[in-house]
N, C-alpha and C. Protein backbone atom coordinates (compact mmCIF):
# COMPACT_ATOMS: atom_id res chain seq x y z
N MET A 1 0.85 -1.16 0.00
CA MET A 1 0.00 0.00 0.00
C MET A 1 0.89 1.22 0.00
N THR A 2 0.34 2.31 -0.52
CA THR A 2 1.05 3.58 -0.55
C THR A 2 0.25 4.58 0.27
N VAL A 3 0.93 5.23 1.19
CA VAL A 3 0.32 6.21 2.07
C VAL A 3 0.84 7.58 1.66
N CYS A 4 -0.06 8.47 1.30
CA CYS A 4 0.32 9.82 0.89
C CYS A 4 0.73 10.60 2.14
N ARG A 5 1.89 11.23 2.07
CA ARG A 5 2.42 11.96 3.21
C ARG A 5 3.08 13.28 2.79
N GLY A 6 2.64 13.83 1.70
CA GLY A 6 3.33 15.01 1.18
C GLY A 6 2.66 16.33 1.46
N CYS A 7 2.21 16.95 0.40
CA CYS A 7 1.77 18.34 0.46
C CYS A 7 0.62 18.59 1.42
N CYS A 8 -0.33 17.69 1.55
CA CYS A 8 -1.44 17.92 2.50
C CYS A 8 -1.86 16.65 3.22
N CYS A 9 -1.82 15.53 2.56
CA CYS A 9 -2.15 14.28 3.25
C CYS A 9 -1.07 14.03 4.30
N GLY A 10 -1.50 13.63 5.44
CA GLY A 10 -0.53 13.25 6.46
C GLY A 10 0.21 14.41 7.09
N THR A 11 -0.33 15.62 6.97
CA THR A 11 0.34 16.76 7.58
C THR A 11 -0.55 17.40 8.64
N VAL A 12 0.08 17.93 9.66
CA VAL A 12 -0.69 18.62 10.70
C VAL A 12 -1.20 19.95 10.21
N LYS A 13 -0.62 20.46 9.13
CA LYS A 13 -1.10 21.74 8.58
C LYS A 13 -2.55 21.61 8.11
N LYS A 14 -2.87 20.53 7.40
CA LYS A 14 -4.22 20.35 6.88
C LYS A 14 -5.12 19.61 7.87
N HIS A 15 -4.54 18.66 8.59
CA HIS A 15 -5.32 17.84 9.52
C HIS A 15 -4.64 17.86 10.90
N PRO A 16 -4.75 18.98 11.61
CA PRO A 16 -4.02 19.12 12.88
C PRO A 16 -4.50 18.21 14.01
N ASP A 17 -5.70 17.69 13.92
CA ASP A 17 -6.25 16.88 15.00
C ASP A 17 -6.08 15.38 14.78
N TYR A 18 -5.30 14.99 13.80
CA TYR A 18 -5.12 13.57 13.53
C TYR A 18 -3.66 13.19 13.75
N ASP A 19 -3.43 12.04 14.35
CA ASP A 19 -2.08 11.56 14.63
C ASP A 19 -1.56 10.77 13.44
N HIS A 20 -0.90 11.46 12.54
CA HIS A 20 -0.42 10.85 11.29
C HIS A 20 0.68 9.82 11.54
N ALA A 21 1.54 10.10 12.52
CA ALA A 21 2.61 9.15 12.85
C ALA A 21 2.01 7.85 13.39
N GLU A 22 0.98 7.95 14.21
CA GLU A 22 0.32 6.77 14.75
C GLU A 22 -0.36 5.97 13.63
N GLN A 23 -0.95 6.66 12.66
CA GLN A 23 -1.57 5.97 11.54
C GLN A 23 -0.53 5.14 10.79
N LEU A 24 0.60 5.74 10.50
CA LEU A 24 1.65 5.03 9.78
C LEU A 24 2.19 3.87 10.62
N ARG A 25 2.33 4.07 11.93
CA ARG A 25 2.79 3.00 12.82
C ARG A 25 1.81 1.82 12.79
N ARG A 26 0.52 2.11 12.82
CA ARG A 26 -0.50 1.06 12.79
C ARG A 26 -0.43 0.27 11.49
N LEU A 27 -0.26 0.96 10.37
CA LEU A 27 -0.18 0.29 9.08
C LEU A 27 1.08 -0.56 8.98
N GLU A 28 2.18 -0.05 9.50
CA GLU A 28 3.43 -0.82 9.48
C GLU A 28 3.32 -2.05 10.38
N GLU A 29 2.56 -1.95 11.45
CA GLU A 29 2.33 -3.10 12.32
C GLU A 29 1.54 -4.20 11.59
N VAL A 30 0.51 -3.80 10.86
CA VAL A 30 -0.25 -4.76 10.06
C VAL A 30 0.67 -5.41 9.03
N ALA A 31 1.51 -4.63 8.39
CA ALA A 31 2.43 -5.16 7.39
C ALA A 31 3.40 -6.16 8.03
N ALA A 32 3.90 -5.84 9.21
CA ALA A 32 4.84 -6.73 9.88
C ALA A 32 4.20 -8.08 10.22
N ARG A 33 2.93 -8.07 10.56
CA ARG A 33 2.22 -9.32 10.90
C ARG A 33 1.77 -10.10 9.67
N SER A 34 1.87 -9.50 8.49
CA SER A 34 1.32 -10.13 7.28
C SER A 34 2.23 -11.17 6.64
N GLY A 35 3.43 -11.31 7.13
CA GLY A 35 4.35 -12.26 6.53
C GLY A 35 4.78 -11.86 5.13
N GLY A 36 4.85 -10.59 4.86
CA GLY A 36 5.28 -10.09 3.56
C GLY A 36 4.15 -9.87 2.57
N ARG A 37 2.94 -10.21 2.95
CA ARG A 37 1.79 -10.03 2.05
C ARG A 37 1.43 -8.56 1.89
N VAL A 38 1.67 -7.77 2.95
CA VAL A 38 1.36 -6.34 2.94
C VAL A 38 2.66 -5.57 3.14
N THR A 39 2.87 -4.58 2.29
CA THR A 39 4.01 -3.68 2.47
C THR A 39 3.49 -2.25 2.50
N VAL A 40 4.23 -1.40 3.18
CA VAL A 40 3.85 0.01 3.31
C VAL A 40 4.97 0.86 2.75
N ARG A 41 4.57 1.82 1.94
CA ARG A 41 5.52 2.83 1.48
C ARG A 41 4.80 4.17 1.53
N THR A 42 5.57 5.22 1.56
CA THR A 42 4.98 6.56 1.56
C THR A 42 5.31 7.25 0.25
N ALA A 43 4.44 8.16 -0.13
CA ALA A 43 4.63 8.97 -1.33
C ALA A 43 4.50 10.43 -0.94
N ASP A 44 5.23 11.27 -1.62
CA ASP A 44 5.17 12.70 -1.33
C ASP A 44 3.80 13.27 -1.67
N CYS A 45 3.27 12.92 -2.84
CA CYS A 45 1.95 13.41 -3.24
C CYS A 45 1.38 12.48 -4.30
N LEU A 46 0.13 12.11 -4.13
CA LEU A 46 -0.55 11.24 -5.10
C LEU A 46 -1.54 12.01 -5.96
N ASP A 47 -1.48 13.32 -5.88
CA ASP A 47 -2.28 14.22 -6.74
C ASP A 47 -3.79 14.03 -6.60
N ALA A 48 -4.23 13.74 -5.40
CA ALA A 48 -5.67 13.66 -5.13
C ALA A 48 -5.94 14.36 -3.79
N CYS A 49 -5.41 15.56 -3.67
CA CYS A 49 -5.41 16.31 -2.40
C CYS A 49 -6.82 16.57 -1.87
N GLU A 50 -7.79 16.64 -2.74
CA GLU A 50 -9.16 16.88 -2.29
C GLU A 50 -9.71 15.70 -1.49
N ASN A 51 -9.01 14.56 -1.52
CA ASN A 51 -9.45 13.36 -0.81
C ASN A 51 -8.56 13.01 0.38
N SER A 52 -7.73 13.93 0.80
CA SER A 52 -6.77 13.58 1.85
C SER A 52 -7.49 13.25 3.15
N ASN A 53 -6.98 12.38 3.77
CA ASN A 53 -5.81 11.57 3.92
C ASN A 53 -5.97 10.34 3.03
N LEU A 54 -5.06 10.14 2.11
CA LEU A 54 -5.22 9.17 1.03
C LEU A 54 -4.30 7.96 1.22
N ILE A 55 -4.87 6.78 1.01
CA ILE A 55 -4.12 5.52 1.05
C ILE A 55 -4.54 4.71 -0.17
N VAL A 56 -3.56 4.17 -0.89
CA VAL A 56 -3.84 3.34 -2.06
C VAL A 56 -3.37 1.92 -1.76
N VAL A 57 -4.29 0.97 -1.88
CA VAL A 57 -3.99 -0.44 -1.63
C VAL A 57 -4.05 -1.16 -2.96
N LYS A 58 -3.01 -1.96 -3.25
CA LYS A 58 -2.95 -2.72 -4.50
C LYS A 58 -3.01 -4.21 -4.16
N PRO A 59 -4.24 -4.78 -4.09
CA PRO A 59 -4.34 -6.22 -3.85
C PRO A 59 -3.74 -6.99 -5.03
N ARG A 60 -3.14 -8.11 -4.73
CA ARG A 60 -2.52 -8.92 -5.80
C ARG A 60 -3.54 -9.28 -6.86
N GLY A 61 -3.15 -9.04 -8.11
CA GLY A 61 -4.00 -9.40 -9.23
C GLY A 61 -5.21 -8.52 -9.44
N GLN A 62 -5.28 -7.40 -8.73
CA GLN A 62 -6.43 -6.51 -8.85
C GLN A 62 -5.95 -5.07 -9.08
N LYS A 63 -6.89 -4.24 -9.49
CA LYS A 63 -6.58 -2.83 -9.66
C LYS A 63 -6.42 -2.18 -8.29
N PRO A 64 -5.62 -1.11 -8.22
CA PRO A 64 -5.47 -0.41 -6.95
C PRO A 64 -6.80 0.13 -6.43
N VAL A 65 -6.94 0.12 -5.12
CA VAL A 65 -8.11 0.66 -4.45
C VAL A 65 -7.67 1.96 -3.77
N TRP A 66 -8.26 3.07 -4.20
CA TRP A 66 -7.93 4.38 -3.65
C TRP A 66 -8.93 4.70 -2.54
N LEU A 67 -8.40 4.92 -1.34
CA LEU A 67 -9.23 5.24 -0.18
C LEU A 67 -8.90 6.66 0.29
N GLY A 68 -9.92 7.47 0.39
CA GLY A 68 -9.72 8.84 0.84
C GLY A 68 -10.35 9.08 2.19
N PHE A 69 -9.99 10.21 2.77
CA PHE A 69 -10.57 10.65 4.05
C PHE A 69 -10.33 9.63 5.17
N VAL A 70 -9.15 9.01 5.15
CA VAL A 70 -8.80 8.04 6.19
C VAL A 70 -8.26 8.83 7.39
N LEU A 71 -9.21 9.36 8.16
CA LEU A 71 -8.87 10.28 9.25
C LEU A 71 -9.55 9.93 10.57
N HIS A 72 -10.08 8.73 10.68
CA HIS A 72 -10.80 8.35 11.89
C HIS A 72 -10.37 6.94 12.31
N ASP A 73 -10.36 6.71 13.60
CA ASP A 73 -9.96 5.40 14.11
C ASP A 73 -10.85 4.28 13.59
N GLU A 74 -12.13 4.56 13.38
CA GLU A 74 -13.04 3.53 12.88
C GLU A 74 -12.65 3.10 11.46
N VAL A 75 -12.28 4.07 10.63
CA VAL A 75 -11.86 3.75 9.26
C VAL A 75 -10.55 2.97 9.30
N MET A 76 -9.63 3.40 10.17
CA MET A 76 -8.36 2.68 10.29
C MET A 76 -8.60 1.24 10.75
N ALA A 77 -9.50 1.04 11.70
CA ALA A 77 -9.79 -0.32 12.17
C ALA A 77 -10.35 -1.17 11.04
N ASP A 78 -11.25 -0.61 10.24
CA ASP A 78 -11.80 -1.35 9.09
C ASP A 78 -10.71 -1.67 8.09
N LEU A 79 -9.83 -0.71 7.83
CA LEU A 79 -8.72 -0.92 6.90
C LEU A 79 -7.77 -2.00 7.42
N GLU A 80 -7.45 -1.94 8.69
CA GLU A 80 -6.56 -2.93 9.29
C GLU A 80 -7.15 -4.34 9.18
N ARG A 81 -8.44 -4.47 9.46
CA ARG A 81 -9.10 -5.78 9.34
C ARG A 81 -9.03 -6.30 7.91
N TRP A 82 -9.31 -5.42 6.94
CA TRP A 82 -9.28 -5.83 5.54
C TRP A 82 -7.88 -6.28 5.14
N LEU A 83 -6.87 -5.50 5.53
CA LEU A 83 -5.50 -5.86 5.18
C LEU A 83 -5.09 -7.18 5.82
N ALA A 84 -5.52 -7.42 7.04
CA ALA A 84 -5.16 -8.65 7.74
C ALA A 84 -5.88 -9.86 7.16
N GLN A 85 -7.15 -9.69 6.78
CA GLN A 85 -7.96 -10.81 6.32
C GLN A 85 -7.89 -11.04 4.82
N GLY A 86 -7.64 -9.98 4.06
CA GLY A 86 -7.66 -10.09 2.62
C GLY A 86 -9.10 -10.13 2.12
N GLY A 87 -9.27 -10.58 0.91
CA GLY A 87 -10.61 -10.68 0.34
C GLY A 87 -11.04 -9.40 -0.34
N PRO A 88 -12.29 -9.37 -0.77
CA PRO A 88 -12.80 -8.18 -1.46
C PRO A 88 -12.90 -6.99 -0.49
N LEU A 89 -12.97 -5.81 -1.05
CA LEU A 89 -13.11 -4.60 -0.26
C LEU A 89 -14.41 -4.66 0.53
N PRO A 90 -14.34 -4.51 1.85
CA PRO A 90 -15.57 -4.54 2.65
C PRO A 90 -16.48 -3.37 2.30
N GLU A 91 -17.76 -3.62 2.40
CA GLU A 91 -18.75 -2.59 2.06
C GLU A 91 -18.52 -1.31 2.85
N VAL A 92 -18.14 -1.43 4.12
CA VAL A 92 -17.95 -0.24 4.94
C VAL A 92 -16.82 0.64 4.39
N LEU A 93 -15.80 0.06 3.77
CA LEU A 93 -14.71 0.85 3.18
C LEU A 93 -15.08 1.43 1.82
N GLU A 94 -16.13 0.89 1.20
CA GLU A 94 -16.60 1.49 -0.06
C GLU A 94 -16.95 2.96 0.14
N LEU A 95 -17.33 3.32 1.36
CA LEU A 95 -17.67 4.71 1.65
C LEU A 95 -16.45 5.63 1.53
N ASN A 96 -15.25 5.06 1.64
CA ASN A 96 -14.02 5.83 1.53
C ASN A 96 -13.35 5.69 0.16
N ARG A 97 -13.93 4.90 -0.69
CA ARG A 97 -13.33 4.70 -2.01
C ARG A 97 -13.45 5.97 -2.84
N VAL A 98 -12.34 6.37 -3.45
CA VAL A 98 -12.33 7.56 -4.29
C VAL A 98 -11.70 7.19 -5.63
N SER A 99 -11.92 8.03 -6.62
CA SER A 99 -11.33 7.79 -7.93
C SER A 99 -9.91 8.32 -7.97
N PRO A 100 -9.04 7.60 -8.66
CA PRO A 100 -7.68 8.11 -8.81
C PRO A 100 -7.70 9.36 -9.69
N PRO A 101 -6.67 10.19 -9.59
CA PRO A 101 -6.64 11.38 -10.43
C PRO A 101 -6.56 11.01 -11.91
N ALA A 102 -7.09 11.85 -12.75
CA ALA A 102 -7.03 11.63 -14.20
C ALA A 102 -5.57 11.68 -14.64
N GLN A 103 -5.23 10.80 -15.54
CA GLN A 103 -3.88 10.79 -16.08
C GLN A 103 -3.66 11.96 -17.00
N ALA A 104 -2.51 12.57 -16.89
CA ALA A 104 -2.19 13.75 -17.73
C ALA A 104 -1.92 13.35 -19.15
């Protein structure tokens, strides 16, 4: 998965009430328990700033799933469960699904 941490996603400037470091720590913990099935990387900007806090998950053999507005513990818990269990995107996370930016 790729976690946007650049111009506005993951910054206290845009989202001062969210613990961005804790979010990244939680995702890295899920990755560590996955036995290599889940990896975490950060990107400076994914060009979808209107949807920040943005996380892109690329399940094996599937198109990337772009999740926006990942700014609440409940959303993180749903994301963590999905990453740990695998399978199709849970309906509850469909609420956070956003479209990737248009290609230039």
